[in-house]
Amino acid sequence: MAELHVVGCIEGGENFDEPALFCKWSVITDDGRHDAKRWNLLEGVASGQTQVDIAKEGYMSVWSFPLDLHYSTTTIHGWPKFSCEVWAHDQFGRNLLAGYGFCHIPTTPGIYELSVCTWRPKPQSWLELVNGWFLGAYPQLKNPDVVWRQEDRYRLSTVASGQVRLRVSVLTMGFEKHGVISQSSED
């Protein structure tokens, strides 16, 4: 079996309107299908939540949340994706959506600094707009899988919100035995 190691950290979030942020994240394999077990998580945790960091204006919210995942597979289908939801914690103790985002884990070995652009659904009615402006209660997705699935995402009307910074090292082993040849990111 081929193996994939993803080691690094979720560094933080920047360019969001809110100062107190945290991130709920997951690494999705097999395109989210539970019936397809092409990717097996051997070690690590594939989802979690960071702590809240209150950043000064103009600075990044620093999470420095570690990632350490070890997968085995026999195919490249369903390659892992990083999906995140960034939430803001306000002075009243409410958690408000700041943005959704996702990116593909790089397929070649190397060290990467990734920027995950995030967005949130655009208010569709006057009431949603007023709630967003005064209460910070922006619309949320009923099914967060839309963030990383291609089928229905094109129908969404969205607003850009900020970026999540990742630093990861990708290590692959044994893919050549299955006919997959990759070059290092430095080649």
N, C-alpha and C. Protein backbone atom coordinates (compact mmCIF):
# COMPACT_ATOMS: atom_id res chain seq x y z
N MET A 1 0.84 -1.19 0.00
CA MET A 1 0.00 0.00 0.00
C MET A 1 0.88 1.25 0.00
N ALA A 2 0.38 2.28 -0.66
CA ALA A 2 1.05 3.57 -0.66
C ALA A 2 0.68 4.31 0.62
N GLU A 3 1.56 5.21 1.03
CA GLU A 3 1.33 5.97 2.26
C GLU A 3 1.51 7.46 2.02
N LEU A 4 0.73 8.24 2.75
CA LEU A 4 0.80 9.69 2.70
C LEU A 4 0.90 10.22 4.12
N HIS A 5 1.90 11.07 4.36
CA HIS A 5 2.04 11.76 5.64
C HIS A 5 1.83 13.25 5.40
N VAL A 6 1.00 13.87 6.22
CA VAL A 6 0.78 15.31 6.18
C VAL A 6 1.09 15.82 7.58
N VAL A 7 2.16 16.61 7.69
CA VAL A 7 2.61 17.11 8.99
C VAL A 7 2.75 18.62 8.89
N GLY A 8 2.24 19.33 9.86
CA GLY A 8 2.36 20.78 9.84
C GLY A 8 1.45 21.43 10.84
N CYS A 9 0.95 22.61 10.49
CA CYS A 9 0.06 23.30 11.43
C CYS A 9 -0.86 24.27 10.69
N ILE A 10 -1.98 24.55 11.36
CA ILE A 10 -2.88 25.61 10.93
C ILE A 10 -2.35 26.85 11.63
N GLU A 11 -1.67 27.71 10.89
CA GLU A 11 -1.00 28.85 11.50
C GLU A 11 -1.96 29.89 12.05
N GLY A 12 -3.00 30.24 11.28
CA GLY A 12 -3.93 31.25 11.76
C GLY A 12 -4.82 31.77 10.66
N GLY A 13 -5.58 32.81 11.00
CA GLY A 13 -6.50 33.45 10.07
C GLY A 13 -6.22 34.93 9.98
N GLU A 14 -6.35 35.48 8.78
CA GLU A 14 -6.08 36.91 8.60
C GLU A 14 -7.08 37.53 7.64
N ASN A 15 -7.18 38.85 7.74
CA ASN A 15 -8.06 39.67 6.89
C ASN A 15 -9.55 39.41 7.11
N PHE A 16 -9.90 38.96 8.30
CA PHE A 16 -11.31 38.82 8.68
C PHE A 16 -11.76 40.12 9.34
N ASP A 17 -13.07 40.38 9.31
CA ASP A 17 -13.60 41.59 9.93
C ASP A 17 -13.61 41.51 11.45
N GLU A 18 -13.65 40.28 11.98
CA GLU A 18 -13.79 40.08 13.41
C GLU A 18 -12.41 39.79 14.04
N PRO A 19 -12.18 40.22 15.29
CA PRO A 19 -10.86 40.00 15.90
C PRO A 19 -10.71 38.66 16.64
N ALA A 20 -11.77 38.14 17.24
CA ALA A 20 -11.69 36.91 18.05
C ALA A 20 -12.16 35.73 17.20
N LEU A 21 -11.21 34.93 16.71
CA LEU A 21 -11.53 33.87 15.76
C LEU A 21 -11.07 32.50 16.24
N PHE A 22 -11.80 31.47 15.80
CA PHE A 22 -11.35 30.09 15.95
C PHE A 22 -11.76 29.33 14.70
N CYS A 23 -11.18 28.15 14.51
CA CYS A 23 -11.38 27.40 13.28
C CYS A 23 -11.80 25.97 13.59
N LYS A 24 -12.88 25.53 12.96
CA LYS A 24 -13.28 24.12 12.97
C LYS A 24 -12.79 23.55 11.65
N TRP A 25 -12.05 22.47 11.69
CA TRP A 25 -11.43 21.95 10.48
C TRP A 25 -11.61 20.45 10.36
N SER A 26 -11.43 19.95 9.15
CA SER A 26 -11.42 18.50 8.90
C SER A 26 -10.65 18.22 7.63
N VAL A 27 -10.12 17.02 7.54
CA VAL A 27 -9.48 16.55 6.32
C VAL A 27 -10.39 15.47 5.76
N ILE A 28 -10.88 15.69 4.55
CA ILE A 28 -11.85 14.80 3.92
C ILE A 28 -11.13 13.93 2.90
N THR A 29 -11.41 12.64 2.93
CA THR A 29 -10.88 11.71 1.93
C THR A 29 -12.05 11.00 1.25
N ASP A 30 -11.75 10.29 0.19
CA ASP A 30 -12.77 9.53 -0.55
C ASP A 30 -13.94 10.39 -0.98
N ASP A 31 -13.68 11.68 -1.22
CA ASP A 31 -14.72 12.61 -1.64
C ASP A 31 -15.91 12.63 -0.68
N GLY A 32 -15.65 12.34 0.58
CA GLY A 32 -16.70 12.36 1.59
C GLY A 32 -17.60 11.15 1.60
N ARG A 33 -17.36 10.19 0.73
CA ARG A 33 -18.21 9.00 0.66
C ARG A 33 -17.81 8.03 1.76
N HIS A 34 -18.80 7.56 2.50
CA HIS A 34 -18.53 6.62 3.59
C HIS A 34 -18.49 5.18 3.09
N ASP A 35 -19.02 4.94 1.89
CA ASP A 35 -19.01 3.58 1.35
C ASP A 35 -17.69 3.26 0.65
N ALA A 36 -16.92 4.27 0.29
CA ALA A 36 -15.64 4.05 -0.38
C ALA A 36 -14.53 4.16 0.67
N LYS A 37 -13.87 3.08 0.93
CA LYS A 37 -12.78 3.08 1.92
C LYS A 37 -11.44 2.91 1.21
N ARG A 38 -11.13 3.86 0.33
CA ARG A 38 -9.87 3.80 -0.38
C ARG A 38 -8.73 4.39 0.44
N TRP A 39 -9.04 5.30 1.35
CA TRP A 39 -8.04 5.95 2.19
C TRP A 39 -8.29 5.55 3.64
N ASN A 40 -7.24 5.02 4.27
CA ASN A 40 -7.35 4.61 5.67
C ASN A 40 -6.47 5.51 6.52
N LEU A 41 -7.05 6.10 7.54
CA LEU A 41 -6.28 6.92 8.47
C LEU A 41 -5.60 5.99 9.46
N LEU A 42 -4.27 5.90 9.38
CA LEU A 42 -3.51 5.01 10.26
C LEU A 42 -3.20 5.69 11.59
N GLU A 43 -2.82 6.95 11.53
CA GLU A 43 -2.49 7.70 12.75
C GLU A 43 -2.92 9.14 12.58
N GLY A 44 -3.26 9.78 13.68
CA GLY A 44 -3.64 11.17 13.67
C GLY A 44 -5.13 11.36 13.83
N VAL A 45 -5.52 12.61 13.88
CA VAL A 45 -6.92 13.00 14.03
C VAL A 45 -7.29 13.84 12.82
N ALA A 46 -8.36 13.47 12.12
CA ALA A 46 -8.72 14.11 10.87
C ALA A 46 -9.70 15.27 11.02
N SER A 47 -10.03 15.68 12.23
CA SER A 47 -10.88 16.85 12.42
C SER A 47 -10.64 17.41 13.81
N GLY A 48 -10.98 18.68 13.97
CA GLY A 48 -10.77 19.30 15.27
C GLY A 48 -11.19 20.76 15.26
N GLN A 49 -10.80 21.43 16.34
CA GLN A 49 -11.13 22.84 16.51
C GLN A 49 -9.97 23.52 17.22
N THR A 50 -9.63 24.72 16.77
CA THR A 50 -8.55 25.48 17.40
C THR A 50 -9.10 26.25 18.60
N GLN A 51 -8.21 26.91 19.29
CA GLN A 51 -8.61 27.81 20.36
C GLN A 51 -8.98 29.17 19.76
N VAL A 52 -9.61 30.02 20.56
CA VAL A 52 -9.94 31.38 20.13
C VAL A 52 -8.72 32.25 20.35
N ASP A 53 -8.38 33.04 19.34
CA ASP A 53 -7.31 34.02 19.49
C ASP A 53 -7.87 35.39 19.16
N ILE A 54 -7.59 36.35 20.01
CA ILE A 54 -8.03 37.72 19.79
C ILE A 54 -6.84 38.49 19.24
N ALA A 55 -6.92 38.82 17.97
CA ALA A 55 -5.81 39.50 17.30
C ALA A 55 -6.00 41.01 17.36
N LYS A 56 -4.87 41.72 17.41
CA LYS A 56 -4.93 43.17 17.28
C LYS A 56 -5.30 43.50 15.85
N GLU A 57 -5.86 44.68 15.66
CA GLU A 57 -6.29 45.08 14.33
C GLU A 57 -5.10 45.07 13.36
N GLY A 58 -5.31 44.43 12.21
CA GLY A 58 -4.25 44.36 11.21
C GLY A 58 -3.31 43.18 11.37
N TYR A 59 -3.49 42.38 12.42
CA TYR A 59 -2.63 41.23 12.66
C TYR A 59 -3.41 39.93 12.46
N MET A 60 -2.67 38.85 12.29
CA MET A 60 -3.27 37.54 12.10
C MET A 60 -3.68 36.94 13.44
N SER A 61 -4.83 36.26 13.47
CA SER A 61 -5.19 35.44 14.63
C SER A 61 -4.32 34.20 14.58
N VAL A 62 -3.54 33.98 15.61
CA VAL A 62 -2.58 32.88 15.61
C VAL A 62 -3.16 31.68 16.34
N TRP A 63 -3.22 30.55 15.63
CA TRP A 63 -3.72 29.32 16.22
C TRP A 63 -2.61 28.30 16.42
N SER A 64 -1.67 28.22 15.50
CA SER A 64 -0.56 27.26 15.56
C SER A 64 -1.05 25.88 15.99
N PHE A 65 -2.10 25.42 15.35
CA PHE A 65 -2.71 24.13 15.69
C PHE A 65 -2.03 23.02 14.90
N PRO A 66 -1.50 22.00 15.57
CA PRO A 66 -0.72 20.97 14.85
C PRO A 66 -1.58 20.02 14.02
N LEU A 67 -1.02 19.62 12.89
CA LEU A 67 -1.60 18.60 12.02
C LEU A 67 -0.56 17.49 11.88
N ASP A 68 -0.99 16.26 12.05
CA ASP A 68 -0.09 15.11 11.87
C ASP A 68 -0.94 13.92 11.47
N LEU A 69 -1.03 13.67 10.16
CA LEU A 69 -1.90 12.64 9.62
C LEU A 69 -1.08 11.63 8.83
N HIS A 70 -1.45 10.36 8.96
CA HIS A 70 -0.77 9.27 8.25
C HIS A 70 -1.84 8.40 7.62
N TYR A 71 -1.87 8.35 6.28
CA TYR A 71 -2.86 7.58 5.53
C TYR A 71 -2.19 6.45 4.76
N SER A 72 -2.96 5.41 4.51
CA SER A 72 -2.56 4.39 3.55
C SER A 72 -3.65 4.30 2.49
N THR A 73 -3.24 3.95 1.26
CA THR A 73 -4.18 3.90 0.15
C THR A 73 -3.62 3.05 -0.98
N THR A 74 -4.47 2.69 -1.91
CA THR A 74 -4.03 1.99 -3.11
C THR A 74 -4.34 2.80 -4.37
N THR A 75 -4.84 4.02 -4.21
CA THR A 75 -5.24 4.85 -5.34
C THR A 75 -5.08 6.32 -4.99
N ILE A 76 -5.09 7.16 -6.02
CA ILE A 76 -5.06 8.60 -5.75
C ILE A 76 -6.47 9.19 -5.77
N HIS A 77 -7.47 8.40 -6.14
CA HIS A 77 -8.85 8.88 -6.15
C HIS A 77 -9.27 9.23 -4.72
N GLY A 78 -9.95 10.34 -4.57
CA GLY A 78 -10.38 10.77 -3.25
C GLY A 78 -9.26 11.39 -2.44
N TRP A 79 -8.26 11.99 -3.12
CA TRP A 79 -7.11 12.60 -2.44
C TRP A 79 -7.59 13.55 -1.35
N PRO A 80 -6.90 13.62 -0.22
CA PRO A 80 -7.37 14.44 0.91
C PRO A 80 -7.52 15.93 0.59
N LYS A 81 -8.54 16.51 1.19
CA LYS A 81 -8.82 17.94 1.10
C LYS A 81 -8.89 18.50 2.51
N PHE A 82 -8.44 19.72 2.70
CA PHE A 82 -8.56 20.42 3.98
C PHE A 82 -9.78 21.33 3.89
N SER A 83 -10.71 21.17 4.81
CA SER A 83 -11.92 21.98 4.84
C SER A 83 -11.99 22.71 6.19
N CYS A 84 -12.43 23.96 6.16
CA CYS A 84 -12.48 24.70 7.42
C CYS A 84 -13.70 25.62 7.49
N GLU A 85 -14.09 25.88 8.71
CA GLU A 85 -15.11 26.88 9.02
C GLU A 85 -14.47 27.80 10.05
N VAL A 86 -14.42 29.08 9.75
CA VAL A 86 -13.87 30.05 10.70
C VAL A 86 -15.05 30.73 11.38
N TRP A 87 -14.95 30.79 12.71
CA TRP A 87 -16.02 31.38 13.51
C TRP A 87 -15.46 32.52 14.34
N ALA A 88 -16.30 33.52 14.57
CA ALA A 88 -15.94 34.65 15.41
C ALA A 88 -16.67 34.53 16.74
N HIS A 89 -15.97 34.83 17.79
CA HIS A 89 -16.54 34.81 19.14
C HIS A 89 -16.71 36.27 19.56
N ASP A 90 -17.97 36.72 19.75
CA ASP A 90 -18.18 38.13 20.06
C ASP A 90 -18.22 38.40 21.56
N GLN A 91 -18.35 39.67 21.92
CA GLN A 91 -18.31 40.08 23.33
C GLN A 91 -19.51 39.59 24.13
N PHE A 92 -20.57 39.09 23.46
CA PHE A 92 -21.74 38.56 24.14
C PHE A 92 -21.69 37.05 24.28
N GLY A 93 -20.58 36.42 23.87
CA GLY A 93 -20.42 34.97 23.98
C GLY A 93 -21.02 34.18 22.83
N ARG A 94 -21.43 34.88 21.78
CA ARG A 94 -22.00 34.20 20.62
C ARG A 94 -20.90 33.79 19.65
N ASN A 95 -21.12 32.67 18.97
CA ASN A 95 -20.22 32.24 17.90
C ASN A 95 -20.90 32.52 16.57
N LEU A 96 -20.26 33.34 15.75
CA LEU A 96 -20.84 33.78 14.49
C LEU A 96 -19.95 33.34 13.34
N LEU A 97 -20.57 32.90 12.26
CA LEU A 97 -19.82 32.44 11.10
C LEU A 97 -19.00 33.57 10.50
N ALA A 98 -17.70 33.31 10.31
CA ALA A 98 -16.83 34.28 9.64
C ALA A 98 -16.49 33.83 8.22
N GLY A 99 -16.46 32.51 7.97
CA GLY A 99 -16.19 32.06 6.61
C GLY A 99 -15.99 30.56 6.49
N TYR A 100 -16.21 30.05 5.27
CA TYR A 100 -15.95 28.66 4.91
C TYR A 100 -14.81 28.64 3.90
N GLY A 101 -14.05 27.55 3.87
CA GLY A 101 -13.02 27.42 2.85
C GLY A 101 -12.51 25.99 2.75
N PHE A 102 -11.79 25.70 1.67
CA PHE A 102 -11.16 24.39 1.52
C PHE A 102 -10.01 24.50 0.54
N CYS A 103 -9.11 23.53 0.61
CA CYS A 103 -8.03 23.40 -0.38
C CYS A 103 -7.64 21.94 -0.46
N HIS A 104 -7.05 21.58 -1.59
CA HIS A 104 -6.54 20.22 -1.76
C HIS A 104 -5.17 20.13 -1.09
N ILE A 105 -4.92 19.03 -0.43
CA ILE A 105 -3.57 18.78 0.08
C ILE A 105 -2.68 18.56 -1.15
N PRO A 106 -1.50 19.18 -1.21
CA PRO A 106 -0.64 19.00 -2.39
C PRO A 106 -0.33 17.52 -2.64
N THR A 107 -0.20 17.19 -3.93
CA THR A 107 0.00 15.79 -4.32
C THR A 107 1.47 15.40 -4.47
N THR A 108 2.36 16.36 -4.43
CA THR A 108 3.78 16.04 -4.54
C THR A 108 4.48 16.30 -3.21
N PRO A 109 5.52 15.53 -2.90
CA PRO A 109 6.24 15.74 -1.65
C PRO A 109 6.87 17.14 -1.60
N GLY A 110 6.91 17.69 -0.42
CA GLY A 110 7.53 19.01 -0.25
C GLY A 110 6.96 19.74 0.95
N ILE A 111 7.46 20.94 1.13
CA ILE A 111 7.00 21.82 2.21
C ILE A 111 6.20 22.94 1.56
N TYR A 112 5.01 23.18 2.08
CA TYR A 112 4.09 24.13 1.45
C TYR A 112 3.55 25.12 2.47
N GLU A 113 3.37 26.36 2.01
CA GLU A 113 2.62 27.36 2.75
C GLU A 113 1.37 27.63 1.92
N LEU A 114 0.23 27.24 2.47
CA LEU A 114 -1.03 27.33 1.73
C LEU A 114 -1.90 28.44 2.32
N SER A 115 -2.61 29.11 1.45
CA SER A 115 -3.57 30.12 1.87
C SER A 115 -4.95 29.66 1.42
N VAL A 116 -5.83 29.43 2.38
CA VAL A 116 -7.19 28.98 2.07
C VAL A 116 -8.09 30.21 2.09
N CYS A 117 -8.57 30.59 0.92
CA CYS A 117 -9.48 31.73 0.83
C CYS A 117 -10.85 31.31 1.35
N THR A 118 -11.43 32.13 2.20
CA THR A 118 -12.73 31.80 2.78
C THR A 118 -13.80 32.76 2.28
N TRP A 119 -15.03 32.33 2.43
CA TRP A 119 -16.20 33.09 2.00
C TRP A 119 -17.36 32.72 2.90
N ARG A 120 -18.39 33.52 2.84
CA ARG A 120 -19.63 33.19 3.55
C ARG A 120 -20.80 33.50 2.62
N PRO A 121 -21.91 32.83 2.84
CA PRO A 121 -23.08 33.10 1.97
C PRO A 121 -23.51 34.56 2.07
N LYS A 122 -23.86 35.11 0.94
CA LYS A 122 -24.32 36.49 0.87
C LYS A 122 -25.78 36.55 1.31
N PRO A 123 -26.14 37.52 2.14
CA PRO A 123 -27.55 37.64 2.53
C PRO A 123 -28.44 37.80 1.28
N GLN A 124 -29.54 37.06 1.24
CA GLN A 124 -30.42 37.05 0.07
C GLN A 124 -31.65 37.92 0.25
N SER A 125 -31.93 38.33 1.48
CA SER A 125 -33.11 39.16 1.72
C SER A 125 -32.73 40.37 2.56
N TRP A 126 -33.64 41.32 2.61
CA TRP A 126 -33.40 42.52 3.41
C TRP A 126 -33.25 42.16 4.89
N LEU A 127 -34.06 41.21 5.38
CA LEU A 127 -33.99 40.79 6.78
C LEU A 127 -32.63 40.15 7.10
N GLU A 128 -32.14 39.31 6.22
CA GLU A 128 -30.83 38.69 6.43
C GLU A 128 -29.72 39.75 6.42
N LEU A 129 -29.86 40.76 5.57
CA LEU A 129 -28.88 41.84 5.52
C LEU A 129 -28.87 42.64 6.82
N VAL A 130 -30.05 42.96 7.34
CA VAL A 130 -30.15 43.70 8.61
C VAL A 130 -29.60 42.85 9.77
N ASN A 131 -29.95 41.58 9.81
CA ASN A 131 -29.42 40.68 10.85
C ASN A 131 -27.90 40.62 10.79
N GLY A 132 -27.35 40.56 9.60
CA GLY A 132 -25.91 40.51 9.45
C GLY A 132 -25.24 41.80 9.88
N TRP A 133 -25.86 42.92 9.55
CA TRP A 133 -25.27 44.22 9.87
C TRP A 133 -25.33 44.53 11.36
N PHE A 134 -26.48 44.32 11.99
CA PHE A 134 -26.65 44.69 13.39
C PHE A 134 -26.30 43.57 14.37
N LEU A 135 -26.62 42.33 14.02
CA LEU A 135 -26.42 41.23 14.95
C LEU A 135 -25.23 40.34 14.61
N GLY A 136 -24.67 40.53 13.43
CA GLY A 136 -23.56 39.67 13.02
C GLY A 136 -24.01 38.27 12.66
N ALA A 137 -25.30 38.07 12.52
CA ALA A 137 -25.85 36.75 12.24
C ALA A 137 -25.95 36.55 10.73
N TYR A 138 -24.86 36.16 10.11
CA TYR A 138 -24.84 35.94 8.67
C TYR A 138 -25.45 34.59 8.34
N PRO A 139 -25.98 34.42 7.13
CA PRO A 139 -26.54 33.12 6.74
C PRO A 139 -25.48 32.02 6.80
N GLN A 140 -25.92 30.81 7.10
CA GLN A 140 -25.03 29.65 7.16
C GLN A 140 -25.54 28.59 6.22
N LEU A 141 -24.65 27.71 5.80
CA LEU A 141 -25.04 26.59 4.94
C LEU A 141 -25.75 25.53 5.76
N LYS A 142 -26.82 24.96 5.20
CA LYS A 142 -27.49 23.84 5.86
C LYS A 142 -26.63 22.60 5.80
N ASN A 143 -25.92 22.43 4.69
CA ASN A 143 -25.04 21.28 4.51
C ASN A 143 -23.63 21.79 4.20
N PRO A 144 -22.71 21.77 5.19
CA PRO A 144 -21.36 22.30 4.96
C PRO A 144 -20.54 21.52 3.93
N ASP A 145 -21.01 20.35 3.49
CA ASP A 145 -20.29 19.60 2.45
C ASP A 145 -20.24 20.38 1.14
N VAL A 146 -21.15 21.32 0.95
CA VAL A 146 -21.16 22.13 -0.26
C VAL A 146 -19.84 22.90 -0.41
N VAL A 147 -19.17 23.16 0.69
CA VAL A 147 -17.91 23.90 0.67
C VAL A 147 -16.90 23.22 -0.24
N TRP A 148 -16.75 21.92 -0.14
CA TRP A 148 -15.73 21.21 -0.91
C TRP A 148 -16.29 20.33 -2.02
N ARG A 149 -17.58 20.18 -2.13
CA ARG A 149 -18.18 19.44 -3.25
C ARG A 149 -18.37 20.38 -4.44
N GLN A 150 -18.23 19.86 -5.63
CA GLN A 150 -18.33 20.70 -6.82
C GLN A 150 -19.75 20.83 -7.35
N GLU A 151 -20.62 19.88 -7.04
CA GLU A 151 -21.92 19.81 -7.70
C GLU A 151 -22.77 21.07 -7.53
N ASP A 152 -22.93 21.57 -6.32
CA ASP A 152 -23.88 22.65 -6.07
C ASP A 152 -23.25 23.99 -5.70
N ARG A 153 -21.93 24.04 -5.60
CA ARG A 153 -21.28 25.26 -5.13
C ARG A 153 -21.49 26.44 -6.09
N TYR A 154 -21.62 26.18 -7.36
CA TYR A 154 -21.75 27.25 -8.35
C TYR A 154 -23.04 28.04 -8.17
N ARG A 155 -24.02 27.49 -7.48
CA ARG A 155 -25.31 28.16 -7.28
C ARG A 155 -25.27 29.19 -6.15
N LEU A 156 -24.24 29.16 -5.33
CA LEU A 156 -24.17 30.04 -4.17
C LEU A 156 -23.78 31.45 -4.54
N SER A 157 -24.36 32.39 -3.85
CA SER A 157 -23.96 33.79 -3.95
C SER A 157 -23.18 34.08 -2.66
N THR A 158 -21.91 34.48 -2.81
CA THR A 158 -21.04 34.58 -1.63
C THR A 158 -20.33 35.92 -1.54
N VAL A 159 -19.71 36.14 -0.36
CA VAL A 159 -18.89 37.31 -0.09
C VAL A 159 -17.57 36.81 0.46
N ALA A 160 -16.46 37.32 -0.06
CA ALA A 160 -15.14 36.93 0.44
C ALA A 160 -14.97 37.41 1.88
N SER A 161 -14.26 36.60 2.70
CA SER A 161 -14.13 37.00 4.10
C SER A 161 -12.70 37.06 4.63
N GLY A 162 -11.82 36.18 4.31
CA GLY A 162 -10.45 36.21 4.83
C GLY A 162 -9.69 34.98 4.38
N GLN A 163 -8.52 34.76 4.95
CA GLN A 163 -7.71 33.60 4.59
C GLN A 163 -7.27 32.85 5.84
N VAL A 164 -7.16 31.53 5.68
CA VAL A 164 -6.58 30.67 6.71
C VAL A 164 -5.22 30.23 6.18
N ARG A 165 -4.18 30.36 7.00
CA ARG A 165 -2.82 30.01 6.61
C ARG A 165 -2.46 28.63 7.14
N LEU A 166 -1.96 27.78 6.24
CA LEU A 166 -1.49 26.44 6.60
C LEU A 166 -0.02 26.31 6.22
N ARG A 167 0.72 25.59 7.02
CA ARG A 167 2.09 25.21 6.66
C ARG A 167 2.15 23.70 6.81
N VAL A 168 2.37 22.98 5.70
CA VAL A 168 2.38 21.52 5.75
C VAL A 168 3.58 20.95 5.01
N SER A 169 4.02 19.82 5.50
CA SER A 169 5.01 19.00 4.81
C SER A 169 4.28 17.76 4.33
N VAL A 170 4.45 17.45 3.06
CA VAL A 170 3.80 16.28 2.47
C VAL A 170 4.87 15.25 2.15
N LEU A 171 4.69 14.05 2.66
CA LEU A 171 5.61 12.96 2.41
C LEU A 171 4.81 11.81 1.80
N THR A 172 5.32 11.26 0.70
CA THR A 172 4.66 10.12 0.08
C THR A 172 5.62 8.94 0.06
N MET A 173 5.04 7.74 0.09
CA MET A 173 5.87 6.54 0.06
C MET A 173 5.08 5.42 -0.63
N GLY A 174 5.71 4.75 -1.58
CA GLY A 174 5.11 3.58 -2.19
C GLY A 174 4.15 3.83 -3.32
N PHE A 175 3.95 5.07 -3.73
CA PHE A 175 3.03 5.34 -4.84
C PHE A 175 3.56 4.81 -6.17
N GLU A 176 4.89 4.74 -6.29
CA GLU A 176 5.50 4.24 -7.52
C GLU A 176 5.07 2.79 -7.80
N LYS A 177 4.88 2.02 -6.76
CA LYS A 177 4.46 0.62 -6.92
C LYS A 177 3.07 0.51 -7.54
N HIS A 178 2.29 1.59 -7.43
CA HIS A 178 0.93 1.61 -7.97
C HIS A 178 0.85 2.44 -9.24
N GLY A 179 2.00 2.77 -9.83
CA GLY A 179 2.03 3.49 -11.11
C GLY A 179 1.91 4.99 -11.01
N VAL A 180 2.05 5.55 -9.81
CA VAL A 180 1.96 6.99 -9.64
C VAL A 180 3.37 7.53 -9.42
N ILE A 181 3.82 8.38 -10.31
CA ILE A 181 5.16 8.95 -10.21
C ILE A 181 4.99 10.45 -10.01
N SER A 182 5.58 10.98 -8.94
CA SER A 182 5.47 12.41 -8.67
C SER A 182 6.87 12.97 -8.49
N GLN A 183 6.98 14.26 -8.77
CA GLN A 183 8.24 14.95 -8.58
C GLN A 183 8.14 15.81 -7.34
N SER A 184 9.28 16.10 -6.74
CA SER A 184 9.33 16.97 -5.59
C SER A 184 8.93 18.37 -6.01
N SER A 185 8.40 19.16 -5.08
CA SER A 185 7.99 20.53 -5.38
C SER A 185 9.18 21.41 -5.74
N GLU A 186 10.39 20.97 -5.43
CA GLU A 186 11.59 21.75 -5.72
C GLU A 186 12.17 21.44 -7.08
N ASP A 187 11.63 20.43 -7.80
CA ASP A 187 12.14 20.08 -9.13
C ASP A 187 11.61 21.00 -10.19
